[in-house]
Amino acid sequence: MVTAAIPTFPSEEDLMALATETYQRQLAYFKSGKTRPLAFRIQQLKRLTEIVRKHEVEILQALYRDLRKSEFEAYGSEIGIFYKEVAHTLAHLPEWMEPKRASTPLMLLPSSSRVIPDPLGTVLIIAPWNYPFLLMMTPLVNAIAGGNTAFIKPSEQAPHTAAIVETIVTEAFARDFVAVVQGQGHVVAPILIRQLRFDHIFFTGNPTAGRKIMELASIHLTPVTLELGGKSPCIVDSKVNVAYAARKIAWSKMINAGQTCVAPDYVLVHESVKVPFLEALKAQFSRMLGEDPKASPDYGRLINRKRFDAVASYIQQGDLLYGGKTDAEDLFIEPTLLEVKDADSPVMKEEIFGPVLPILTYRTREEVLAWIERNPYPLALYVFTNSRDTERFYTEQVRFGGGCINNGVIHVGNPDLPFGGVGTSGMGQYHGKHGFDTFTRPKSILKTPTWSDIPLWYAPYRGNLKWIKPFFRL
């Protein structure tokens, strides 16, 4: 086994030259029609899966080196979900690609109508660092299924995973079809987007960067999918299984050391169950990670010192209820619970993206909605309740991307569920059929046989109006 070398970045001049040449080759490849047949798309998805399996151990090692992910977590939250996405796509792709018949108004008969899912062309996919394999490969699967060519940009902040991604893609595909571009995101993205007219840009990252991507995309009126983030609330109702809720919330927050875009960002717990819930939550962290989480082989680390410093600063912004230990050299922050009362503190305004979990107490539903409205449009919402009425209330009253009732995070693992945000947490969706739809466009066709032609449609129109009015009324 050979570990992929950390990628080196080309100069801006070399990047522009190589990107332009590759773009022209991809345009030609797409225009040749080679990406359109079902057989080609299936072949490429199987080829990608084969190469990923070949390098599975190296992927696991890379994720450990970048984020200290355990093998179980790296496989379960990245590689395994990739395999599931490919399997789901292969099973349904023939159906997705089929033209869909549409009804035809009486006045247009004997014509027939259909809608064809048409590939977009050449797309750009920009991945984040927190799930650097999964969030690179899943949209790539959707793009290939849609019949496109692609530029993909791994995150430079997870260099070991970026390197193995490049190894896999280079081994699986020619650059005419899929090309990897390495480099600093704030340098590479503007060069590519300004210089090249992509047919779609798929970006996963934070809202600030998402705004910049959208602004750049407007130069060429390029459509975008933005998978962003936000402060995802977790609501613990009075009618709840406290131990169960604590176990699910603790797990949802500890995976990837809290660096998950759909992790619970804060908990709103009803005052009647606050004390037993907090005791249960502390017990669950201890049960999962032991009395010394730093020694646990199942607990990850922060991605870099900048992220560590940001997350560590939140610990001082509330009353410490549990945890709080840090080690800057090891990029370690243990799961930490804070009681927060100041709604304007940074920990309650910024997406935490780490293992710090603010705890807020509420009495009424209206208080919950008021807290959420301070940071609207969360990417996810989690409600723990045994009440159907409570479940219905929050799912109807809160605008959010997706979520769970009595669970956390795992909705992202269902390829039949669309994944995406709303408002500031993102636009557009993917996974499964929704990903296929993102990377295709519906092309409408109306076909008319030549054996029939109605004379009243043609000038001179005198006397024809009375005959066509009934057709428009039907």
Protein backbone atom coordinates (compact mmCIF):
# COMPACT_ATOMS: atom_id res chain seq x y z
CA MET A 1 0.00 0.00 0.00
CA VAL A 2 1.27 3.46 -0.95
CA THR A 3 -0.03 6.47 0.96
CA ALA A 4 -0.94 9.35 -1.34
CA ALA A 5 1.38 12.33 -1.04
CA ILE A 6 -0.08 15.61 0.17
CA PRO A 7 -0.89 17.56 -2.99
CA THR A 8 1.20 20.53 -4.04
CA PHE A 9 -0.55 23.59 -5.40
CA PRO A 10 0.16 25.00 -8.86
CA SER A 11 0.88 28.68 -9.38
CA GLU A 12 -2.06 30.84 -10.44
CA GLU A 13 -0.67 31.04 -13.98
CA ASP A 14 -0.25 27.27 -14.23
CA LEU A 15 -3.68 26.73 -12.70
CA MET A 16 -5.33 29.01 -15.24
CA ALA A 17 -3.57 27.36 -18.16
CA LEU A 18 -4.31 23.82 -17.03
CA ALA A 19 -7.91 24.62 -16.10
CA THR A 20 -8.59 26.26 -19.47
CA GLU A 21 -7.13 23.34 -21.39
CA THR A 22 -9.03 20.80 -19.29
CA TYR A 23 -12.26 22.76 -19.61
CA GLN A 24 -12.02 22.78 -23.41
CA ARG A 25 -11.37 19.07 -23.42
CA GLN A 26 -14.34 18.44 -21.14
CA LEU A 27 -16.58 20.55 -23.35
CA ALA A 28 -15.53 18.52 -26.35
CA TYR A 29 -16.03 15.27 -24.44
CA PHE A 30 -19.51 16.29 -23.37
CA LYS A 31 -20.48 17.50 -26.85
CA SER A 32 -19.37 14.15 -28.27
CA GLY A 33 -22.33 12.58 -26.48
CA LYS A 34 -20.20 9.97 -24.68
CA THR A 35 -21.61 10.82 -21.24
CA ARG A 36 -25.25 10.45 -22.25
CA PRO A 37 -25.90 6.69 -22.59
CA LEU A 38 -27.18 4.80 -19.56
CA ALA A 39 -24.50 2.14 -20.07
CA PHE A 40 -21.71 4.72 -19.85
CA ARG A 41 -23.03 6.25 -16.64
CA ILE A 42 -23.44 2.85 -15.01
CA GLN A 43 -19.96 1.83 -16.12
CA GLN A 44 -18.39 4.96 -14.63
CA LEU A 45 -20.21 4.62 -11.31
CA LYS A 46 -19.12 1.00 -11.04
CA ARG A 47 -15.58 1.99 -11.95
CA LEU A 48 -15.55 4.67 -9.24
CA THR A 49 -16.83 2.18 -6.66
CA GLU A 50 -14.20 -0.36 -7.67
CA ILE A 51 -11.36 2.13 -7.21
CA VAL A 52 -12.75 3.36 -3.88
CA ARG A 53 -12.85 -0.23 -2.60
CA LYS A 54 -9.27 -0.70 -3.75
CA HIS A 55 -8.15 2.34 -1.71
CA GLU A 56 -10.47 1.89 1.26
CA VAL A 57 -7.69 1.44 3.81
CA GLU A 58 -5.92 4.57 2.58
CA ILE A 59 -9.15 6.57 2.82
CA LEU A 60 -9.57 5.47 6.42
CA GLN A 61 -5.98 6.42 7.18
CA ALA A 62 -6.38 9.81 5.53
CA LEU A 63 -9.51 10.60 7.52
CA TYR A 64 -7.71 9.63 10.70
CA ARG A 65 -4.74 11.84 9.89
CA ASP A 66 -6.94 14.82 9.00
CA LEU A 67 -9.64 14.56 11.66
CA ARG A 68 -8.63 11.65 13.92
CA LYS A 69 -11.72 9.76 12.84
CA SER A 70 -11.96 6.18 14.08
CA GLU A 71 -12.34 3.47 11.45
CA PHE A 72 -15.93 2.86 12.55
CA GLU A 73 -16.89 6.52 12.29
CA ALA A 74 -14.99 7.10 9.04
CA TYR A 75 -16.62 4.11 7.39
CA GLY A 76 -20.09 4.69 8.82
CA SER A 77 -20.28 8.41 8.15
CA GLU A 78 -18.31 8.67 4.90
CA ILE A 79 -17.36 5.53 2.94
CA GLY A 80 -20.45 3.49 3.77
CA ILE A 81 -22.84 6.30 2.85
CA PHE A 82 -20.96 6.72 -0.45
CA TYR A 83 -21.48 3.02 -1.24
CA LYS A 84 -25.16 3.35 -0.36
CA GLU A 85 -25.55 6.38 -2.63
CA VAL A 86 -23.96 4.55 -5.56
CA ALA A 87 -26.02 1.39 -5.01
CA HIS A 88 -29.24 3.39 -4.79
CA THR A 89 -28.33 5.32 -7.94
CA LEU A 90 -27.47 2.19 -9.93
CA ALA A 91 -30.75 0.58 -8.91
CA HIS A 92 -32.88 3.54 -9.99
CA LEU A 93 -30.93 5.29 -12.75
CA PRO A 94 -32.73 3.58 -15.67
CA GLU A 95 -36.05 4.80 -14.29
CA TRP A 96 -34.75 8.32 -13.59
CA MET A 97 -33.43 8.67 -17.13
CA GLU A 98 -36.67 7.62 -18.81
CA PRO A 99 -38.54 10.44 -20.57
CA LYS A 100 -41.75 11.20 -18.69
CA ARG A 101 -45.00 11.55 -20.60
CA ALA A 102 -46.93 14.78 -19.97
CA SER A 103 -50.55 15.53 -20.71
CA THR A 104 -51.41 17.59 -23.79
CA PRO A 105 -54.30 20.10 -23.91
CA LEU A 106 -57.15 19.30 -26.27
CA MET A 107 -56.40 22.36 -28.40
CA LEU A 108 -52.89 20.97 -29.15
CA LEU A 109 -53.99 17.48 -30.16
CA PRO A 110 -53.00 15.24 -31.89
CA SER A 111 -49.60 16.30 -30.52
CA SER A 112 -47.98 14.43 -27.63
CA SER A 113 -45.79 15.80 -24.84
CA ARG A 114 -42.86 14.49 -22.86
CA VAL A 115 -40.11 15.72 -20.51
CA ILE A 116 -36.53 14.55 -20.92
CA PRO A 117 -33.97 14.80 -18.07
CA ASP A 118 -31.09 16.44 -19.93
CA PRO A 119 -27.47 16.61 -18.68
CA LEU A 120 -26.26 20.09 -17.76
CA GLY A 121 -22.76 19.91 -19.24
CA THR A 122 -19.58 20.68 -17.30
CA VAL A 123 -20.04 21.25 -13.57
CA LEU A 124 -17.85 22.40 -10.69
CA ILE A 125 -18.05 20.72 -7.27
CA ILE A 126 -16.33 22.32 -4.27
CA ALA A 127 -16.10 20.18 -1.13
CA PRO A 128 -15.63 21.12 2.55
CA TRP A 129 -13.17 19.74 5.09
CA ASN A 130 -15.45 18.25 7.73
CA TYR A 131 -16.57 15.21 5.70
CA PRO A 132 -13.92 15.58 3.01
CA PHE A 133 -14.52 12.24 1.31
CA LEU A 134 -18.31 11.91 1.48
CA LEU A 135 -19.13 15.51 0.57
CA MET A 136 -16.81 15.33 -2.41
CA MET A 137 -17.94 11.96 -3.70
CA THR A 138 -21.71 12.10 -3.20
CA PRO A 139 -22.29 15.11 -5.49
CA LEU A 140 -19.81 13.56 -7.94
CA VAL A 141 -21.97 10.42 -8.04
CA ASN A 142 -25.01 12.61 -8.74
CA ALA A 143 -23.16 14.53 -11.46
CA ILE A 144 -22.01 11.35 -13.21
CA ALA A 145 -25.51 9.88 -12.96
CA GLY A 146 -26.80 13.06 -14.59
CA GLY A 147 -24.49 12.59 -17.58
CA ASN A 148 -22.09 15.48 -16.93
CA THR A 149 -18.36 16.09 -16.94
CA ALA A 150 -16.93 17.59 -13.77
CA PHE A 151 -14.22 19.64 -12.13
CA ILE A 152 -13.88 18.75 -8.45
CA LYS A 153 -12.10 20.78 -5.78
CA PRO A 154 -11.26 18.91 -2.53
CA SER A 155 -10.66 20.89 0.64
CA GLU A 156 -7.05 21.88 1.21
CA GLN A 157 -7.75 21.87 4.96
CA ALA A 158 -8.00 18.06 4.87
CA PRO A 159 -4.85 17.47 2.79
CA HIS A 160 -4.50 13.73 3.29
CA THR A 161 -8.06 13.08 2.15
CA ALA A 162 -7.63 15.54 -0.73
CA ALA A 163 -4.62 13.51 -1.84
CA ILE A 164 -6.39 10.14 -1.80
CA VAL A 165 -9.41 11.64 -3.57
CA GLU A 166 -7.11 12.79 -6.36
CA THR A 167 -5.49 9.35 -6.52
CA ILE A 168 -8.89 7.66 -6.81
CA VAL A 169 -10.33 10.03 -9.40
CA THR A 170 -7.17 10.06 -11.52
CA GLU A 171 -7.10 6.28 -11.51
CA ALA A 172 -10.79 5.97 -12.32
CA PHE A 173 -11.27 8.66 -14.99
CA ALA A 174 -9.55 10.66 -17.69
CA ARG A 175 -9.35 14.42 -17.09
CA ASP A 176 -11.59 14.85 -20.14
CA PHE A 177 -14.35 13.44 -17.95
CA VAL A 178 -13.52 14.27 -14.31
CA ALA A 179 -10.63 16.52 -13.26
CA VAL A 180 -9.31 17.25 -9.76
CA VAL A 181 -8.14 20.77 -8.98
CA GLN A 182 -6.07 21.30 -5.83
CA GLY A 183 -5.29 24.56 -4.09
CA GLN A 184 -6.42 27.15 -1.58
CA GLY A 185 -10.17 27.55 -1.92
CA HIS A 186 -10.14 31.35 -1.78
CA VAL A 187 -7.63 31.35 -4.65
CA VAL A 188 -8.87 28.50 -6.82
CA ALA A 189 -12.61 29.19 -6.77
CA PRO A 190 -12.45 32.79 -8.09
CA ILE A 191 -10.00 31.81 -10.84
CA LEU A 192 -12.13 28.90 -12.03
CA ILE A 193 -15.50 30.62 -11.76
CA ARG A 194 -14.44 33.91 -13.33
CA GLN A 195 -12.52 32.30 -16.17
CA LEU A 196 -14.75 29.36 -17.05
CA ARG A 197 -18.47 29.23 -17.70
CA PHE A 198 -19.62 26.15 -15.78
CA ASP A 199 -23.12 24.85 -16.30
CA HIS A 200 -23.63 24.38 -12.58
CA ILE A 201 -21.67 25.02 -9.37
CA PHE A 202 -22.19 22.81 -6.35
CA PHE A 203 -20.68 24.25 -3.18
CA THR A 204 -20.64 22.95 0.38
CA GLY A 205 -19.33 25.30 3.05
CA ASN A 206 -20.30 28.17 5.30
CA PRO A 207 -22.78 30.97 4.48
CA THR A 208 -20.06 33.63 4.13
CA ALA A 209 -18.21 31.64 1.49
CA GLY A 210 -21.52 30.67 -0.10
CA ARG A 211 -22.37 34.32 -0.69
CA LYS A 212 -19.02 34.82 -2.43
CA ILE A 213 -19.58 31.76 -4.63
CA MET A 214 -23.02 33.00 -5.61
CA GLU A 215 -21.65 36.46 -6.40
CA LEU A 216 -18.91 34.95 -8.60
CA ALA A 217 -21.42 32.65 -10.31
CA SER A 218 -23.54 35.64 -11.27
CA ILE A 219 -20.80 36.78 -13.66
CA HIS A 220 -21.83 34.02 -16.09
CA LEU A 221 -25.36 33.56 -14.69
CA THR A 222 -24.30 30.10 -13.58
CA PRO A 223 -26.88 28.28 -11.44
CA VAL A 224 -25.68 27.15 -8.01
CA THR A 225 -26.45 24.65 -5.32
CA LEU A 226 -25.31 25.94 -1.94
CA GLU A 227 -25.12 23.50 0.97
CA LEU A 228 -24.37 25.78 3.90
CA GLY A 229 -25.16 25.60 7.60
CA GLY A 230 -26.64 27.42 10.52
CA LYS A 231 -27.62 26.96 14.12
CA SER A 232 -29.63 23.75 14.19
CA PRO A 233 -31.84 23.56 17.28
CA CYS A 234 -32.61 20.44 19.28
CA ILE A 235 -35.88 20.60 21.22
CA VAL A 236 -36.49 18.32 24.21
CA ASP A 237 -40.18 18.33 25.06
CA SER A 238 -41.71 17.64 28.48
CA LYS A 239 -43.27 14.46 27.11
CA VAL A 240 -40.11 12.58 26.31
CA ASN A 241 -38.06 9.50 27.11
CA VAL A 242 -35.22 11.37 28.82
CA ALA A 243 -32.60 8.60 28.68
CA TYR A 244 -33.33 7.90 25.02
CA ALA A 245 -33.17 11.58 24.05
CA ALA A 246 -29.89 12.07 25.91
CA ARG A 247 -28.29 9.08 24.18
CA LYS A 248 -29.28 10.28 20.70
CA ILE A 249 -28.23 13.89 21.34
CA ALA A 250 -24.88 12.92 22.86
CA TRP A 251 -24.08 10.72 19.87
CA SER A 252 -25.21 13.37 17.38
CA LYS A 253 -22.89 15.93 18.99
CA MET A 254 -19.79 13.76 19.54
CA ILE A 255 -19.42 12.36 16.02
CA ASN A 256 -16.65 14.13 14.14
CA ALA A 257 -16.07 16.13 17.36
CA GLY A 258 -19.15 18.19 16.57
CA GLN A 259 -17.84 19.27 13.17
CA THR A 260 -21.02 18.30 11.36
CA CYS A 261 -23.20 20.81 9.54
CA VAL A 262 -26.33 19.11 10.87
CA ALA A 263 -25.07 18.57 14.42
CA PRO A 264 -27.31 19.91 17.21
CA ASP A 265 -26.02 23.45 17.73
CA TYR A 266 -27.96 24.09 20.93
CA VAL A 267 -30.57 22.33 23.05
CA LEU A 268 -33.85 23.82 24.18
CA VAL A 269 -35.04 21.65 27.07
CA HIS A 270 -38.37 21.98 28.87
CA GLU A 271 -37.90 23.10 32.47
CA SER A 272 -39.81 20.10 33.81
CA VAL A 273 -37.21 17.61 32.49
CA LYS A 274 -34.09 19.76 32.55
CA VAL A 275 -32.42 18.22 35.62
CA PRO A 276 -32.85 14.54 34.70
CA PHE A 277 -32.02 15.32 31.06
CA LEU A 278 -28.70 16.99 31.95
CA GLU A 279 -27.74 14.12 34.25
CA ALA A 280 -28.59 11.63 31.53
CA LEU A 281 -26.66 13.62 28.90
CA LYS A 282 -23.53 13.75 31.07
CA ALA A 283 -23.83 10.03 31.74
CA GLN A 284 -24.10 9.28 28.02
CA PHE A 285 -20.93 11.22 27.17
CA SER A 286 -19.09 9.33 29.89
CA ARG A 287 -20.51 6.00 28.77
CA MET A 288 -19.54 6.55 25.13
CA LEU A 289 -16.12 8.14 25.61
CA GLY A 290 -15.05 7.11 29.11
CA GLU A 291 -13.96 9.37 31.94
CA ASP A 292 -11.08 10.65 29.80
CA PRO A 293 -12.44 11.42 26.30
CA LYS A 294 -8.94 12.39 25.16
CA ALA A 295 -7.88 8.77 25.53
CA SER A 296 -10.88 7.41 23.65
CA PRO A 297 -10.06 5.88 20.24
CA ASP A 298 -13.59 6.81 19.14
CA TYR A 299 -13.34 10.59 19.57
CA GLY A 300 -11.98 12.88 16.86
CA ARG A 301 -10.10 16.18 16.89
CA LEU A 302 -10.62 19.68 15.55
CA ILE A 303 -9.41 20.16 11.98
CA ASN A 304 -6.80 22.87 12.72
CA ARG A 305 -5.66 25.48 15.23
CA LYS A 306 -7.90 28.20 13.81
CA ARG A 307 -11.00 26.08 14.36
CA PHE A 308 -9.74 24.99 17.77
CA ASP A 309 -9.30 28.58 18.91
CA ALA A 310 -12.77 29.54 17.68
CA VAL A 311 -14.51 26.64 19.44
CA ALA A 312 -12.45 26.96 22.63
CA SER A 313 -13.46 30.62 22.92
CA TYR A 314 -17.12 29.60 23.25
CA ILE A 315 -16.45 27.74 26.50
CA GLN A 316 -16.07 31.03 28.36
CA GLN A 317 -19.46 32.33 27.20
CA GLY A 318 -21.71 30.45 29.60
CA ASP A 319 -21.81 28.56 32.89
CA LEU A 320 -19.87 25.32 32.56
CA LEU A 321 -22.08 22.28 33.26
CA TYR A 322 -19.82 19.52 31.96
CA GLY A 323 -16.48 19.08 30.22
CA GLY A 324 -14.47 22.11 29.22
CA LYS A 325 -11.02 20.51 29.02
CA THR A 326 -8.86 21.43 26.03
CA ASP A 327 -5.42 20.71 24.59
CA ALA A 328 -4.33 23.06 21.83
CA GLU A 329 -1.34 20.93 20.80
CA ASP A 330 -3.59 17.92 20.28
CA LEU A 331 -6.49 19.99 18.86
CA PHE A 332 -8.64 18.36 21.54
CA ILE A 333 -11.80 19.76 23.08
CA GLU A 334 -13.89 17.42 25.16
CA PRO A 335 -17.69 17.42 24.87
CA THR A 336 -18.79 20.51 26.78
CA LEU A 337 -22.18 21.59 28.07
CA LEU A 338 -22.87 25.25 28.77
CA GLU A 339 -25.82 27.01 30.36
CA VAL A 340 -26.30 30.14 28.26
CA LYS A 341 -28.59 33.07 29.01
CA ASP A 342 -27.16 35.84 26.84
CA ALA A 343 -28.80 35.57 23.43
CA ASP A 344 -26.27 37.98 21.93
CA SER A 345 -23.12 36.08 22.90
CA PRO A 346 -21.14 34.65 19.95
CA VAL A 347 -21.89 31.08 21.03
CA MET A 348 -25.55 31.83 20.38
CA LYS A 349 -25.00 33.81 17.16
CA GLU A 350 -22.38 31.78 15.32
CA GLU A 351 -22.48 28.17 14.13
CA ILE A 352 -20.35 26.38 16.72
CA PHE A 353 -19.06 23.53 14.54
CA GLY A 354 -17.42 21.80 17.46
CA PRO A 355 -18.18 19.79 20.62
CA VAL A 356 -19.63 22.67 22.67
CA LEU A 357 -23.37 22.40 23.32
CA PRO A 358 -25.32 25.31 24.84
CA ILE A 359 -28.31 24.37 27.00
CA LEU A 360 -31.34 26.67 27.19
CA THR A 361 -34.46 26.21 29.29
CA TYR A 362 -37.99 26.98 28.13
CA ARG A 363 -41.55 26.85 29.41
CA THR A 364 -43.68 27.48 26.33
CA ARG A 365 -43.56 26.73 22.62
CA GLU A 366 -43.59 30.44 21.93
CA GLU A 367 -40.29 30.81 23.81
CA VAL A 368 -38.79 28.08 21.62
CA LEU A 369 -39.89 29.81 18.44
CA ALA A 370 -38.51 33.12 19.69
CA TRP A 371 -35.09 31.57 20.30
CA ILE A 372 -35.03 29.92 16.88
CA GLU A 373 -36.09 33.13 15.13
CA ARG A 374 -32.96 34.83 16.43
CA ASN A 375 -31.05 32.61 13.99
CA PRO A 376 -33.68 31.57 11.42
CA TYR A 377 -33.51 29.00 8.66
CA PRO A 378 -31.53 26.24 10.41
CA LEU A 379 -30.17 23.46 8.25
CA ALA A 380 -31.63 20.85 10.61
CA LEU A 381 -34.24 20.58 13.36
CA TYR A 382 -34.45 17.82 15.96
CA VAL A 383 -37.53 17.33 18.12
CA PHE A 384 -37.65 14.80 20.94
CA THR A 385 -41.22 14.19 22.00
CA ASN A 386 -43.87 11.54 22.43
CA SER A 387 -46.59 14.02 21.45
CA ARG A 388 -47.87 14.01 17.87
CA ASP A 389 -49.23 17.50 18.41
CA THR A 390 -45.82 18.83 19.49
CA GLU A 391 -44.14 17.10 16.57
CA ARG A 392 -46.62 18.64 14.13
CA PHE A 393 -46.35 22.09 15.70
CA TYR A 394 -42.58 22.42 15.32
CA THR A 395 -42.33 20.81 11.88
CA GLU A 396 -44.96 23.25 10.61
CA GLN A 397 -43.85 26.40 12.45
CA VAL A 398 -40.06 26.21 11.92
CA ARG A 399 -38.50 26.71 8.48
CA PHE A 400 -35.58 24.29 8.25
CA GLY A 401 -33.82 22.11 5.70
CA GLY A 402 -34.44 18.63 7.11
CA GLY A 403 -34.40 16.86 10.42
CA CYS A 404 -35.51 14.07 12.70
CA ILE A 405 -38.14 13.29 15.28
CA ASN A 406 -36.58 11.44 18.21
CA ASN A 407 -33.24 11.10 16.46
CA GLY A 408 -30.38 13.23 15.23
CA VAL A 409 -28.20 13.62 12.13
CA ILE A 410 -29.06 10.27 10.52
CA HIS A 411 -31.61 11.68 8.06
CA VAL A 412 -28.62 12.53 5.85
CA GLY A 413 -28.01 8.81 5.36
CA ASN A 414 -31.31 8.16 3.56
CA PRO A 415 -30.80 8.59 -0.22
CA ASP A 416 -34.56 8.85 -0.70
CA LEU A 417 -34.68 12.04 1.40
CA PRO A 418 -33.64 15.33 -0.22
CA PHE A 419 -30.81 17.03 1.62
CA GLY A 420 -30.48 20.80 1.53
CA GLY A 421 -31.07 24.02 3.38
CA VAL A 422 -33.50 26.90 3.25
CA GLY A 423 -32.76 30.62 3.29
CA THR A 424 -29.31 31.26 4.74
CA SER A 425 -28.69 27.54 5.32
CA GLY A 426 -28.59 26.87 1.59
CA MET A 427 -30.42 26.43 -1.67
CA GLY A 428 -30.98 23.36 -3.77
CA GLN A 429 -31.01 19.71 -2.74
CA TYR A 430 -29.27 16.46 -3.50
CA HIS A 431 -28.99 12.75 -2.60
CA GLY A 432 -30.57 10.04 -4.73
CA LYS A 433 -33.18 11.20 -7.24
CA HIS A 434 -32.90 14.74 -5.89
CA GLY A 435 -29.20 14.76 -6.73
CA PHE A 436 -29.94 13.44 -10.21
CA ASP A 437 -32.48 16.24 -10.65
CA THR A 438 -29.92 18.82 -9.47
CA PHE A 439 -27.45 17.78 -12.17
CA THR A 440 -29.99 17.56 -14.99
CA ARG A 441 -32.61 19.91 -16.35
CA PRO A 442 -36.10 18.98 -17.58
CA LYS A 443 -36.21 19.49 -21.34
CA SER A 444 -39.76 19.73 -22.64
CA ILE A 445 -40.75 18.31 -26.03
CA LEU A 446 -44.07 18.56 -27.88
CA LYS A 447 -44.28 16.33 -30.95
CA THR A 448 -46.89 16.83 -33.68
CA PRO A 449 -47.65 14.27 -36.40
CA THR A 450 -47.68 15.64 -39.92
CA TRP A 451 -50.83 13.83 -40.98
CA SER A 452 -53.09 16.36 -39.26
CA ASP A 453 -53.08 20.16 -39.46
CA ILE A 454 -55.95 22.42 -38.38
CA PRO A 455 -56.46 25.36 -40.83
CA LEU A 456 -58.13 27.70 -38.30
CA TRP A 457 -54.75 28.39 -36.61
CA TYR A 458 -53.55 30.30 -39.65
CA ALA A 459 -54.29 33.78 -40.98
CA PRO A 460 -56.55 35.15 -42.21
CA TYR A 461 -58.32 34.73 -38.83
CA ARG A 462 -61.70 36.28 -39.73
CA GLY A 463 -64.46 34.09 -38.28
CA ASN A 464 -62.05 31.71 -36.53
CA LEU A 465 -62.28 33.13 -33.00
CA LYS A 466 -65.63 31.53 -32.20
CA TRP A 467 -64.18 28.15 -33.08
CA ILE A 468 -61.04 28.34 -30.92
CA LYS A 469 -62.67 29.79 -27.77
CA PRO A 470 -64.14 26.43 -26.67
CA PHE A 471 -60.70 24.79 -26.85
CA PHE A 472 -59.26 27.26 -24.34
CA ARG A 473 -62.16 26.72 -21.96
CA LEU A 474 -61.75 22.95 -21.86
